[in-house]
N, C-alpha and C. Protein backbone atom coordinates (compact mmCIF):
# COMPACT_ATOMS: atom_id res chain seq x y z
N MET A 1 0.79 -1.17 -0.29
CA MET A 1 -0.03 -0.32 -0.17
C MET A 1 0.96 1.43 -0.12
N ASN A 2 0.65 2.13 -1.00
CA ASN A 2 1.47 3.56 -1.17
C ASN A 2 1.05 4.33 0.10
N GLN A 3 1.90 5.04 0.78
CA GLN A 3 1.71 6.03 1.98
C GLN A 3 2.04 7.36 1.06
N ILE A 4 1.22 8.03 1.48
CA ILE A 4 1.13 9.48 0.98
C ILE A 4 1.71 10.37 2.06
N VAL A 5 3.26 11.13 1.80
CA VAL A 5 3.80 11.77 2.79
C VAL A 5 3.52 13.11 2.59
N LYS A 6 2.97 13.87 3.19
CA LYS A 6 2.32 15.33 2.60
C LYS A 6 3.74 16.15 3.44
N LYS A 7 4.19 17.11 2.46
CA LYS A 7 5.63 17.86 2.28
C LYS A 7 4.93 19.46 2.61
N PHE A 8 5.72 19.90 3.91
CA PHE A 8 5.07 21.45 3.79
C PHE A 8 5.89 22.49 3.43
N ASP A 9 5.57 23.62 2.95
CA ASP A 9 6.22 24.99 2.31
C ASP A 9 7.01 25.59 3.53
N VAL A 10 6.33 25.45 5.13
CA VAL A 10 6.67 26.21 5.92
C VAL A 10 6.51 25.52 7.71
N ILE A 11 7.57 25.32 8.24
CA ILE A 11 6.91 24.65 9.74
C ILE A 11 7.45 25.85 10.40
N TYR A 12 6.76 26.18 11.20
CA TYR A 12 7.21 27.12 12.45
C TYR A 12 7.09 26.37 13.89
N CYS A 13 8.40 26.63 14.50
CA CYS A 13 8.52 25.99 15.80
C CYS A 13 8.96 27.04 16.97
N SER A 14 7.77 27.17 17.67
CA SER A 14 8.11 28.22 18.91
C SER A 14 8.24 27.89 20.19
N ASN A 15 9.25 27.95 20.44
CA ASN A 15 9.39 27.71 22.15
C ASN A 15 8.83 25.81 22.32
N VAL A 16 9.67 25.00 21.28
CA VAL A 16 9.56 23.49 21.31
C VAL A 16 10.59 23.07 21.72
N LEU A 17 11.58 22.99 20.80
CA LEU A 17 12.86 22.16 20.74
C LEU A 17 13.59 22.16 22.20
N GLU A 18 13.22 23.37 22.90
CA GLU A 18 14.16 23.28 24.38
C GLU A 18 13.40 22.13 24.86
N HIS A 19 12.26 21.57 24.85
CA HIS A 19 11.53 20.72 25.44
C HIS A 19 11.75 19.13 25.29
N ILE A 20 12.32 19.33 23.94
CA ILE A 20 12.81 17.84 23.76
C ILE A 20 14.09 17.72 23.73
N GLU A 21 14.14 16.29 24.49
CA GLU A 21 15.58 15.79 24.82
C GLU A 21 16.62 15.61 23.84
N ASN A 22 16.07 15.26 22.60
CA ASN A 22 16.93 14.52 21.35
C ASN A 22 16.53 15.61 20.23
N ASP A 23 16.60 16.77 20.43
CA ASP A 23 16.31 17.76 19.39
C ASP A 23 16.75 17.69 18.22
N GLU A 24 18.03 17.05 17.93
CA GLU A 24 18.56 16.65 16.70
C GLU A 24 17.63 15.46 15.78
N LEU A 25 17.13 14.70 16.73
CA LEU A 25 16.59 13.61 16.09
C LEU A 25 15.25 14.43 15.33
N VAL A 26 14.30 15.36 16.15
CA VAL A 26 13.64 15.91 15.77
C VAL A 26 13.69 16.85 14.80
N LEU A 27 14.84 17.78 14.36
CA LEU A 27 15.10 18.24 13.56
C LEU A 27 15.45 17.67 12.28
N ASN A 28 15.80 16.46 12.10
CA ASN A 28 15.73 15.62 10.92
C ASN A 28 14.45 15.30 10.77
N GLU A 29 13.40 14.99 11.66
CA GLU A 29 12.27 14.62 11.08
C GLU A 29 11.62 15.80 10.65
N LEU A 30 11.85 17.13 11.22
CA LEU A 30 11.18 18.40 10.60
C LEU A 30 11.84 18.47 9.01
N ASN A 31 13.08 18.01 9.06
CA ASN A 31 13.72 18.35 7.65
C ASN A 31 13.03 17.47 6.36
N SER A 32 12.81 16.25 7.10
CA SER A 32 12.16 15.26 5.98
C SER A 32 10.39 15.43 5.55
N LYS A 33 9.90 16.47 6.51
CA LYS A 33 8.48 16.88 6.17
C LYS A 33 8.52 18.23 5.40
N LEU A 34 9.88 19.05 4.85
CA LEU A 34 9.80 20.12 4.23
C LEU A 34 9.93 19.89 2.92
N LYS A 35 9.44 20.94 1.77
CA LYS A 35 9.38 20.61 0.51
C LYS A 35 10.80 21.05 0.31
N ASN A 36 11.35 20.93 -0.81
CA ASN A 36 12.92 21.09 -1.13
C ASN A 36 13.09 22.82 -0.91
N ALA A 37 12.10 23.55 -1.17
CA ALA A 37 12.48 25.00 -1.01
C ALA A 37 11.81 25.28 -0.05
N GLY A 38 11.52 24.59 1.08
CA GLY A 38 10.62 24.83 2.42
C GLY A 38 11.50 25.60 3.17
N SER A 39 10.88 26.05 4.33
CA SER A 39 11.32 26.86 5.54
C SER A 39 11.22 26.66 6.57
N LEU A 40 12.21 26.47 7.85
CA LEU A 40 11.79 26.07 9.12
C LEU A 40 12.01 27.35 9.86
N ILE A 41 11.13 27.86 10.42
CA ILE A 41 11.23 29.00 11.42
C ILE A 41 11.43 28.46 13.02
N ILE A 42 12.09 28.66 13.42
CA ILE A 42 12.56 28.48 15.05
C ILE A 42 12.40 29.58 15.77
N TYR A 43 12.05 29.41 17.09
CA TYR A 43 12.16 30.64 17.92
C TYR A 43 12.42 29.78 19.44
N VAL A 44 13.59 29.79 19.82
CA VAL A 44 14.03 29.06 21.10
C VAL A 44 14.73 30.21 22.14
N PRO A 45 14.63 29.66 23.49
CA PRO A 45 15.45 30.40 24.16
C PRO A 45 16.92 30.45 24.16
N ALA A 46 17.59 31.61 24.71
CA ALA A 46 18.63 31.59 24.33
C ALA A 46 19.82 31.62 25.34
N PHE A 47 20.81 30.97 25.54
CA PHE A 47 21.99 31.63 26.13
C PHE A 47 22.04 30.68 27.63
N GLN A 48 22.35 29.29 27.45
CA GLN A 48 22.73 28.06 28.24
C GLN A 48 23.32 28.66 29.37
N ASP A 49 24.50 29.88 29.76
CA ASP A 49 24.71 30.36 30.71
C ASP A 49 23.83 30.77 31.78
N ILE A 50 22.42 31.23 31.08
CA ILE A 50 21.29 31.56 32.21
C ILE A 50 20.43 30.57 32.20
N TYR A 51 20.93 29.05 31.82
CA TYR A 51 19.72 28.23 32.36
C TYR A 51 19.70 28.23 33.75
N SER A 52 18.48 27.99 33.97
CA SER A 52 18.22 28.26 35.83
C SER A 52 17.03 27.00 36.17
N ASP A 53 16.67 26.95 37.77
CA ASP A 53 15.83 26.19 37.82
C ASP A 53 14.42 26.30 37.65
N LEU A 54 14.12 27.61 36.99
CA LEU A 54 13.18 28.02 36.14
C LEU A 54 12.89 27.26 35.00
N ASP A 55 13.65 27.68 34.07
CA ASP A 55 13.91 26.73 32.95
C ASP A 55 13.63 25.03 33.30
N LYS A 56 14.10 24.49 34.27
CA LYS A 56 13.86 23.13 34.83
C LYS A 56 12.78 23.08 34.76
N LYS A 57 11.96 23.74 35.91
CA LYS A 57 10.53 23.60 36.16
C LYS A 57 9.44 23.85 34.92
N PHE A 58 9.86 24.51 33.87
CA PHE A 58 9.16 24.48 32.95
C PHE A 58 9.60 23.36 31.74
N GLY A 59 10.18 22.27 32.10
CA GLY A 59 10.54 21.05 31.30
C GLY A 59 11.70 21.74 30.12
N HIS A 60 12.37 22.64 30.23
CA HIS A 60 13.69 22.64 29.02
C HIS A 60 14.65 21.77 29.62
N PHE A 61 15.40 21.39 28.63
CA PHE A 61 16.67 20.48 28.76
C PHE A 61 17.76 21.38 28.26
N ARG A 62 17.59 22.20 28.06
CA ARG A 62 18.61 23.34 27.85
C ARG A 62 18.08 24.62 26.69
N ARG A 63 18.83 25.86 26.91
CA ARG A 63 19.02 26.87 26.17
C ARG A 63 19.55 26.78 25.34
N TYR A 64 19.84 27.49 24.26
CA TYR A 64 20.52 27.70 23.12
C TYR A 64 21.51 28.90 22.93
N GLN A 65 22.66 28.38 22.39
CA GLN A 65 23.55 29.47 21.81
C GLN A 65 23.69 29.42 20.31
N LYS A 66 23.57 30.51 19.37
CA LYS A 66 23.28 30.59 18.15
C LYS A 66 24.36 29.62 17.43
N SER A 67 25.36 29.30 17.87
CA SER A 67 26.46 28.52 17.28
C SER A 67 26.14 27.34 17.26
N ASP A 68 25.40 26.79 18.42
CA ASP A 68 25.23 25.52 18.75
C ASP A 68 24.06 25.08 18.20
N LEU A 69 22.74 25.79 17.84
CA LEU A 69 21.78 25.86 16.86
C LEU A 69 22.19 25.62 15.46
N LEU A 70 22.84 26.37 14.79
CA LEU A 70 23.15 26.33 13.69
C LEU A 70 24.22 25.02 13.10
N ARG A 71 25.03 24.53 14.06
CA ARG A 71 25.36 23.46 13.97
C ARG A 71 24.37 22.17 14.00
N LYS A 72 23.20 22.04 15.14
CA LYS A 72 22.72 21.02 14.60
C LYS A 72 21.77 21.52 13.45
N LEU A 73 21.13 22.58 13.05
CA LEU A 73 20.42 22.62 11.75
C LEU A 73 21.49 21.86 10.54
N LYS A 74 22.78 22.29 10.63
CA LYS A 74 23.47 21.92 9.43
C LYS A 74 23.55 20.36 9.52
N ASN A 75 23.71 19.63 10.66
CA ASN A 75 23.76 18.19 10.95
C ASN A 75 22.64 17.67 10.32
N SER A 76 21.61 18.58 10.39
CA SER A 76 20.08 18.14 10.24
C SER A 76 19.75 18.23 8.69
N GLY A 77 20.64 18.88 7.84
CA GLY A 77 20.72 19.27 6.84
C GLY A 77 20.02 20.37 5.97
N PHE A 78 19.82 21.56 7.11
CA PHE A 78 19.49 22.93 6.74
C PHE A 78 20.41 23.31 6.60
N GLU A 79 19.97 24.67 5.90
CA GLU A 79 21.15 25.89 5.60
C GLU A 79 20.45 27.14 6.14
N ALA A 80 20.69 27.69 6.86
CA ALA A 80 20.48 28.84 7.82
C ALA A 80 20.74 29.78 7.07
N THR A 81 19.75 31.03 6.73
CA THR A 81 19.60 32.01 5.70
C THR A 81 19.91 33.34 6.76
N LYS A 82 18.98 33.03 8.23
CA LYS A 82 18.80 34.30 8.84
C LYS A 82 19.05 33.48 10.30
N SER A 83 19.44 34.47 11.32
CA SER A 83 19.79 34.02 12.44
C SER A 83 20.14 35.14 13.56
N HIS A 84 19.36 35.42 14.54
CA HIS A 84 19.58 36.30 15.50
C HIS A 84 18.55 36.68 16.55
N TYR A 85 19.77 36.66 17.63
CA TYR A 85 19.05 37.15 19.04
C TYR A 85 17.68 38.38 19.17
N SER A 86 17.18 37.65 19.81
CA SER A 86 15.80 38.79 20.37
C SER A 86 15.60 39.19 21.35
N ASP A 87 15.07 40.11 21.88
CA ASP A 87 14.87 40.50 23.46
C ASP A 87 16.28 40.53 24.00
N SER A 88 17.19 41.27 23.54
CA SER A 88 18.36 41.36 24.37
C SER A 88 18.28 41.94 25.84
N ILE A 89 17.16 42.43 25.96
CA ILE A 89 17.06 43.37 27.48
C ILE A 89 16.59 42.10 28.39
N GLY A 90 15.84 41.06 27.87
CA GLY A 90 15.23 40.24 28.56
C GLY A 90 16.54 39.36 29.45
N PHE A 91 17.69 39.52 28.56
CA PHE A 91 19.07 38.47 28.86
C PHE A 91 19.32 39.18 30.40
N PHE A 92 19.35 40.51 30.64
CA PHE A 92 19.87 40.93 31.83
C PHE A 92 18.69 41.07 32.75
N ALA A 93 17.53 40.97 32.63
CA ALA A 93 16.21 40.51 33.41
C ALA A 93 16.35 39.33 33.98
N TRP A 94 16.94 38.10 33.14
CA TRP A 94 16.90 36.63 33.26
C TRP A 94 18.01 36.74 34.57
N LEU A 95 19.13 37.36 34.32
CA LEU A 95 20.09 37.47 35.14
C LEU A 95 19.70 37.83 36.72
C-alpha cells in the first residue's frame, strides 16, 4: 500500500525544541517533512549560561547558543539563511 507523505512549505517551531531531549532527531524529522525549497522558522530561549531552575521547572532541557543551534541545523540538512537573538534586554532581566 502506497503511503502519501505530506510535505510542507513552512514549519514554524516556537518554544518547542528546548522541551525535547533529542532535538537533533526532531530536526531531522522536520527536515523530512519540508518541501525542497521549504523553510523552518525556529524560536527558542537563548544562552545556556542563564539556564536556571525556572527553565528546569518549565521542562527545558537546554537553552541555545546561536552557534550550537546552527550546528544542529546543519547536521540535520538545513542551510540557515537568517539567525539572530531577540529580546536582548530580557537577558539582563533573567540574570
